[in-house]
Amino acid sequence: LTDSGGYQVFSLDPRLNEEGVTFKSTYDGSTVELTPEGAVEVQQRLGADIAMVLDHLVGLPAQREDVADAMNRTLRWSERALAAHSREDQALFGIVQGGVDPGLRAESARRTADLGFPGFGIGGLSVGESAEDRNRAIEITIDNLPADKVRYTMGLGDTGGILDAITRGVDLFDCVLPTRLARHGKALTRHGDVSIKRAEWTSDERPLDDDCGCFTCRTHSRGYLRHLAVTGEVLGQRLVTIHNLHYTLGLVADARAAIADGRFEGWAEGVRRLRGNGG
């Protein structure tokens, strides 16, 4: 899966108009123009299985008028992206906007579904809203999308958020959280998020998580990981990233198994209880 760049551009103070977005390159300061057609072209060249339309994202909280403007522009850009997309071996997904406004969220979902995409990104979330508002927005979106097509919540990767979204019918997720936490010395475990810089781990020979089978936990101790973290060795970030990705992939694999066995609700409650913080 590749993204169109809409979310990434959001952090670069872009200028938007009907044609697309313009922003300054973080590499050399040059001006970059990105259009719906250009985003599709790049993703087709990359050859991803799933590509995303270019969308207009607004941070929350925001005025309803601004959210509606972003929603309508995303719909217009979606039509242009569909017209530009030609790879039959690649799925192009639409993106639902609407912020946390119930009416706009429902309208965006219905109108995006009417365009005939094979799957849908649930966008415009994880940008400052509360978990309650996010969950309500996901529910409204799911209620207005086809049940037989992929529903993908973009930018959601914490354990509690994943469980909340799966409960509401979401199929797919992406997020930088496993790597972001690793860069800051945080590890995801069944018992909650832990800091590998904790002093009591200085001489601890146990693995990061006794029940984890990832490369990091099989080959390195807590004490060594702490040493790497406090000395600023990038290897520590890489090793914790490996662990965090293993944890996250294991979480969703277990969720799939629980759904197949008809025990998801009880399983999810057990995960929350073990982590001790609601997720």
Protein backbone atom coordinates (compact mmCIF):
# COMPACT_ATOMS: atom_id res chain seq x y z
CA LEU A 1 0.00 0.00 0.00
CA THR A 2 1.21 3.50 -0.83
CA ASP A 3 -0.28 6.81 0.26
CA SER A 4 -0.87 9.79 -1.98
CA GLY A 5 1.03 12.19 0.26
CA GLY A 6 -2.01 14.14 1.41
CA TYR A 7 -1.39 13.48 5.11
CA GLN A 8 2.36 14.09 4.84
CA VAL A 9 1.85 17.36 2.98
CA PHE A 10 -0.50 18.43 5.79
CA SER A 11 2.56 18.97 8.03
CA LEU A 12 4.44 21.09 5.45
CA ASP A 13 2.23 24.22 5.50
CA PRO A 14 1.06 23.69 1.90
CA ARG A 15 -0.86 26.04 -0.39
CA LEU A 16 -4.00 24.43 -1.75
CA ASN A 17 -6.13 25.25 -4.75
CA GLU A 18 -8.41 23.34 -7.07
CA GLU A 19 -5.48 22.07 -9.11
CA GLY A 20 -3.65 20.46 -6.17
CA VAL A 21 -1.14 21.33 -3.45
CA THR A 22 2.15 23.22 -3.50
CA PHE A 23 4.78 22.91 -0.79
CA LYS A 24 8.49 23.27 -0.13
CA SER A 25 10.69 20.18 -0.31
CA THR A 26 12.21 19.22 3.04
CA TYR A 27 15.34 18.06 1.17
CA ASP A 28 16.39 21.09 -0.88
CA GLY A 29 13.72 23.75 -0.38
CA SER A 30 12.48 23.52 -3.95
CA THR A 31 8.81 24.05 -4.76
CA VAL A 32 6.86 20.84 -5.32
CA GLU A 33 3.45 20.67 -6.97
CA LEU A 34 1.27 17.63 -6.36
CA THR A 35 -1.98 17.04 -8.22
CA PRO A 36 -4.51 14.19 -8.01
CA GLU A 37 -3.24 12.90 -11.36
CA GLY A 38 0.39 13.23 -10.31
CA ALA A 39 -0.19 11.30 -7.09
CA VAL A 40 -1.78 8.47 -9.09
CA GLU A 41 1.07 8.45 -11.61
CA VAL A 42 3.73 8.10 -8.91
CA GLN A 43 1.89 5.29 -7.18
CA GLN A 44 1.33 3.45 -10.45
CA ARG A 45 5.06 3.62 -11.16
CA LEU A 46 5.81 2.30 -7.68
CA GLY A 47 3.53 -0.64 -8.41
CA ALA A 48 1.81 -0.88 -5.04
CA ASP A 49 -1.10 -3.29 -4.67
CA ILE A 50 -3.23 -0.48 -3.22
CA ALA A 51 -2.92 3.21 -4.03
CA MET A 52 -4.76 6.13 -2.44
CA VAL A 53 -6.32 9.24 -3.94
CA LEU A 54 -4.94 12.65 -3.04
CA ASP A 55 -7.12 14.10 -0.30
CA HIS A 56 -7.51 17.43 1.47
CA LEU A 57 -6.95 17.04 5.20
CA VAL A 58 -7.76 19.61 7.89
CA GLY A 59 -6.62 19.47 11.49
CA LEU A 60 -9.18 19.25 14.26
CA PRO A 61 -10.91 21.07 15.80
CA ALA A 62 -11.97 23.06 12.74
CA GLN A 63 -14.90 25.15 11.53
CA ARG A 64 -17.63 23.14 9.80
CA GLU A 65 -17.24 25.27 6.68
CA ASP A 66 -13.55 24.34 6.42
CA VAL A 67 -14.29 20.64 6.95
CA ALA A 68 -17.01 20.75 4.28
CA ASP A 69 -14.67 22.51 1.86
CA ALA A 70 -12.01 19.83 2.37
CA MET A 71 -14.59 17.07 1.93
CA ASN A 72 -15.91 18.49 -1.34
CA ARG A 73 -12.43 19.12 -2.71
CA THR A 74 -11.44 15.54 -1.85
CA LEU A 75 -14.48 14.26 -3.76
CA ARG A 76 -13.57 16.32 -6.83
CA TRP A 77 -9.96 15.17 -6.63
CA SER A 78 -11.20 11.59 -6.28
CA GLU A 79 -13.03 11.82 -9.60
CA ARG A 80 -9.85 13.09 -11.26
CA ALA A 81 -7.79 10.33 -9.65
CA LEU A 82 -10.17 7.67 -10.93
CA ALA A 83 -9.96 9.10 -14.44
CA ALA A 84 -6.15 9.05 -14.30
CA HIS A 85 -5.81 5.54 -12.88
CA SER A 86 -5.15 2.83 -15.47
CA ARG A 87 -3.37 -0.12 -13.82
CA GLU A 88 -5.69 -3.11 -13.72
CA ASP A 89 -3.40 -4.93 -11.27
CA GLN A 90 -3.63 -2.11 -8.72
CA ALA A 91 -6.59 -1.07 -6.56
CA LEU A 92 -7.22 2.64 -6.10
CA PHE A 93 -9.01 3.45 -2.83
CA GLY A 94 -11.11 6.53 -2.15
CA ILE A 95 -10.77 8.50 1.08
CA VAL A 96 -13.69 9.57 3.26
CA GLN A 97 -13.37 12.96 4.95
CA GLY A 98 -15.84 14.99 7.01
CA GLY A 99 -13.94 15.40 10.27
CA VAL A 100 -16.04 14.42 13.27
CA ASP A 101 -19.19 16.13 11.99
CA PRO A 102 -21.84 13.38 11.73
CA GLY A 103 -23.63 14.86 8.74
CA LEU A 104 -20.50 15.61 6.74
CA ARG A 105 -18.96 12.26 7.58
CA ALA A 106 -22.07 10.38 6.39
CA GLU A 107 -22.33 12.50 3.24
CA SER A 108 -18.67 11.97 2.39
CA ALA A 109 -18.96 8.21 2.87
CA ARG A 110 -22.05 7.93 0.67
CA ARG A 111 -20.69 10.12 -2.12
CA THR A 112 -17.29 8.41 -2.08
CA ALA A 113 -19.00 5.01 -2.21
CA ASP A 114 -21.03 6.17 -5.21
CA LEU A 115 -17.80 6.70 -7.15
CA GLY A 116 -17.28 2.93 -7.21
CA PHE A 117 -13.92 2.47 -5.49
CA PRO A 118 -12.96 -1.13 -4.53
CA GLY A 119 -12.03 0.03 -1.03
CA PHE A 120 -12.12 3.08 1.18
CA GLY A 121 -9.75 4.92 3.46
CA ILE A 122 -11.31 6.49 6.55
CA GLY A 123 -9.32 9.71 6.59
CA GLY A 124 -9.36 12.98 8.47
CA LEU A 125 -8.86 11.33 11.86
CA SER A 126 -5.98 11.02 14.34
CA VAL A 127 -5.42 14.76 13.85
CA GLY A 128 -6.42 16.07 17.27
CA GLU A 129 -9.85 14.61 17.98
CA SER A 130 -10.76 12.60 21.10
CA ALA A 131 -11.04 8.81 21.01
CA GLU A 132 -14.79 9.15 21.53
CA ASP A 133 -15.17 11.48 18.55
CA ARG A 134 -12.94 9.25 16.43
CA ASN A 135 -14.96 6.14 17.25
CA ARG A 136 -18.23 7.90 16.48
CA ALA A 137 -16.85 9.13 13.15
CA ILE A 138 -15.71 5.60 12.28
CA GLU A 139 -19.14 4.19 13.12
CA ILE A 140 -20.91 6.72 10.91
CA THR A 141 -18.47 6.10 8.08
CA ILE A 142 -18.84 2.31 8.25
CA ASP A 143 -22.64 2.61 8.32
CA ASN A 144 -22.53 4.46 5.00
CA LEU A 145 -19.99 2.30 3.14
CA PRO A 146 -20.57 -1.01 1.32
CA ALA A 147 -20.16 -3.97 3.65
CA ASP A 148 -18.40 -6.04 0.99
CA LYS A 149 -15.52 -3.62 0.34
CA VAL A 150 -12.35 -2.94 2.32
CA ARG A 151 -12.56 -0.31 5.08
CA TYR A 152 -9.18 1.15 6.03
CA THR A 153 -8.62 3.53 8.96
CA MET A 154 -5.63 5.68 8.12
CA GLY A 155 -3.06 6.69 10.72
CA LEU A 156 -4.41 4.54 13.55
CA GLY A 157 -1.97 2.20 15.30
CA ASP A 158 -2.37 2.15 19.08
CA THR A 159 -3.70 -1.05 20.62
CA GLY A 160 -6.89 0.47 22.00
CA GLY A 161 -7.62 2.33 18.79
CA ILE A 162 -7.13 -0.80 16.69
CA LEU A 163 -9.47 -2.80 18.92
CA ASP A 164 -12.07 -0.02 18.84
CA ALA A 165 -11.93 0.15 15.05
CA ILE A 166 -12.09 -3.61 14.49
CA THR A 167 -15.13 -3.72 16.76
CA ARG A 168 -16.79 -1.20 14.44
CA GLY A 169 -15.96 -3.10 11.24
CA VAL A 170 -12.58 -1.77 10.08
CA ASP A 171 -10.38 -4.17 8.10
CA LEU A 172 -7.07 -2.43 7.58
CA PHE A 173 -4.74 -0.01 9.39
CA ASP A 174 -1.47 1.83 8.93
CA CYS A 175 0.50 3.94 11.36
CA VAL A 176 4.02 5.09 12.19
CA LEU A 177 3.41 4.46 15.91
CA PRO A 178 5.58 1.30 16.25
CA THR A 179 8.61 3.11 14.83
CA ARG A 180 7.86 6.46 16.48
CA LEU A 181 7.65 4.85 19.91
CA ALA A 182 10.86 2.93 19.25
CA ARG A 183 12.71 6.15 18.42
CA HIS A 184 11.73 7.44 21.86
CA GLY A 185 12.66 4.25 23.70
CA LYS A 186 9.13 2.90 24.14
CA ALA A 187 8.20 -0.75 23.61
CA LEU A 188 4.74 -2.22 23.06
CA THR A 189 3.98 -5.26 25.20
CA ARG A 190 0.97 -7.30 26.25
CA HIS A 191 1.24 -5.64 29.67
CA GLY A 192 1.33 -2.08 28.36
CA ASP A 193 3.82 0.34 26.86
CA VAL A 194 7.16 0.37 28.67
CA SER A 195 10.22 2.62 28.60
CA ILE A 196 13.43 0.72 27.91
CA LYS A 197 15.41 3.49 29.65
CA ARG A 198 14.17 2.50 33.11
CA ALA A 199 17.05 2.27 35.58
CA GLU A 200 16.09 -1.13 36.98
CA TRP A 201 16.83 -2.69 33.59
CA THR A 202 20.53 -1.77 33.72
CA SER A 203 21.69 -5.32 34.47
CA ASP A 204 18.51 -7.19 33.54
CA GLU A 205 19.35 -10.24 31.41
CA ARG A 206 15.74 -11.08 30.57
CA PRO A 207 14.22 -10.34 27.15
CA LEU A 208 12.14 -7.23 26.66
CA ASP A 209 8.97 -9.37 26.77
CA ASP A 210 9.19 -12.92 28.13
CA ASP A 211 6.32 -14.08 25.93
CA CYS A 212 7.53 -12.52 22.66
CA GLY A 213 9.24 -14.53 19.93
CA CYS A 214 10.61 -11.66 17.85
CA PHE A 215 14.28 -11.39 16.85
CA THR A 216 14.94 -8.71 19.46
CA CYS A 217 13.49 -10.69 22.34
CA ARG A 218 15.23 -13.90 21.24
CA THR A 219 18.68 -12.36 20.98
CA HIS A 220 19.03 -9.29 23.22
CA SER A 221 18.47 -8.49 26.89
CA ARG A 222 16.68 -5.61 28.54
CA GLY A 223 20.00 -4.40 29.89
CA TYR A 224 21.56 -4.26 26.44
CA LEU A 225 18.55 -2.49 24.95
CA ARG A 226 18.67 0.07 27.76
CA HIS A 227 22.40 0.60 27.14
CA LEU A 228 21.73 1.27 23.45
CA ALA A 229 18.93 3.70 24.31
CA VAL A 230 20.80 5.79 26.89
CA THR A 231 23.93 5.99 24.71
CA GLY A 232 21.93 7.05 21.67
CA GLU A 233 22.87 4.07 19.49
CA VAL A 234 20.54 3.85 16.50
CA LEU A 235 20.71 0.05 16.74
CA GLY A 236 18.52 0.31 19.82
CA GLN A 237 15.81 2.09 17.85
CA ARG A 238 15.97 -0.58 15.15
CA LEU A 239 15.75 -3.45 17.61
CA VAL A 240 12.77 -1.96 19.43
CA THR A 241 11.13 -1.20 16.06
CA ILE A 242 11.45 -4.90 15.17
CA HIS A 243 9.78 -5.80 18.46
CA ASN A 244 7.01 -3.20 18.14
CA LEU A 245 6.16 -4.31 14.60
CA HIS A 246 6.11 -7.94 15.72
CA TYR A 247 3.74 -7.02 18.56
CA THR A 248 1.39 -5.07 16.28
CA LEU A 249 1.30 -7.74 13.57
CA GLY A 250 0.68 -10.37 16.24
CA LEU A 251 -2.17 -8.30 17.68
CA VAL A 252 -4.06 -8.14 14.40
CA ALA A 253 -3.31 -11.80 13.61
CA ASP A 254 -4.82 -12.75 16.97
CA ALA A 255 -7.79 -10.50 16.20
CA ARG A 256 -8.40 -12.32 12.91
CA ALA A 257 -8.29 -15.68 14.68
CA ALA A 258 -10.67 -14.46 17.39
CA ILE A 259 -13.14 -13.18 14.78
CA ALA A 260 -12.99 -16.49 12.91
CA ASP A 261 -13.69 -18.37 16.15
CA GLY A 262 -16.54 -16.05 17.18
CA ARG A 263 -14.78 -14.88 20.34
CA PHE A 264 -13.52 -11.43 19.39
CA GLU A 265 -15.38 -9.45 22.06
CA GLY A 266 -14.05 -11.55 24.92
CA TRP A 267 -10.57 -11.67 23.44
CA ALA A 268 -10.43 -7.89 23.01
CA GLU A 269 -11.57 -7.35 26.60
CA GLY A 270 -8.80 -9.67 27.75
CA VAL A 271 -6.20 -7.70 25.80
CA ARG A 272 -7.38 -4.44 27.37
CA ARG A 273 -7.46 -5.93 30.85
CA LEU A 274 -3.94 -7.35 30.55
CA ARG A 275 -2.55 -4.03 29.36
CA GLY A 276 -4.25 -2.41 32.34
CA ASN A 277 -4.92 0.96 30.71
CA GLY A 278 -7.93 0.42 28.48
CA GLY A 279 -5.74 -0.46 25.52
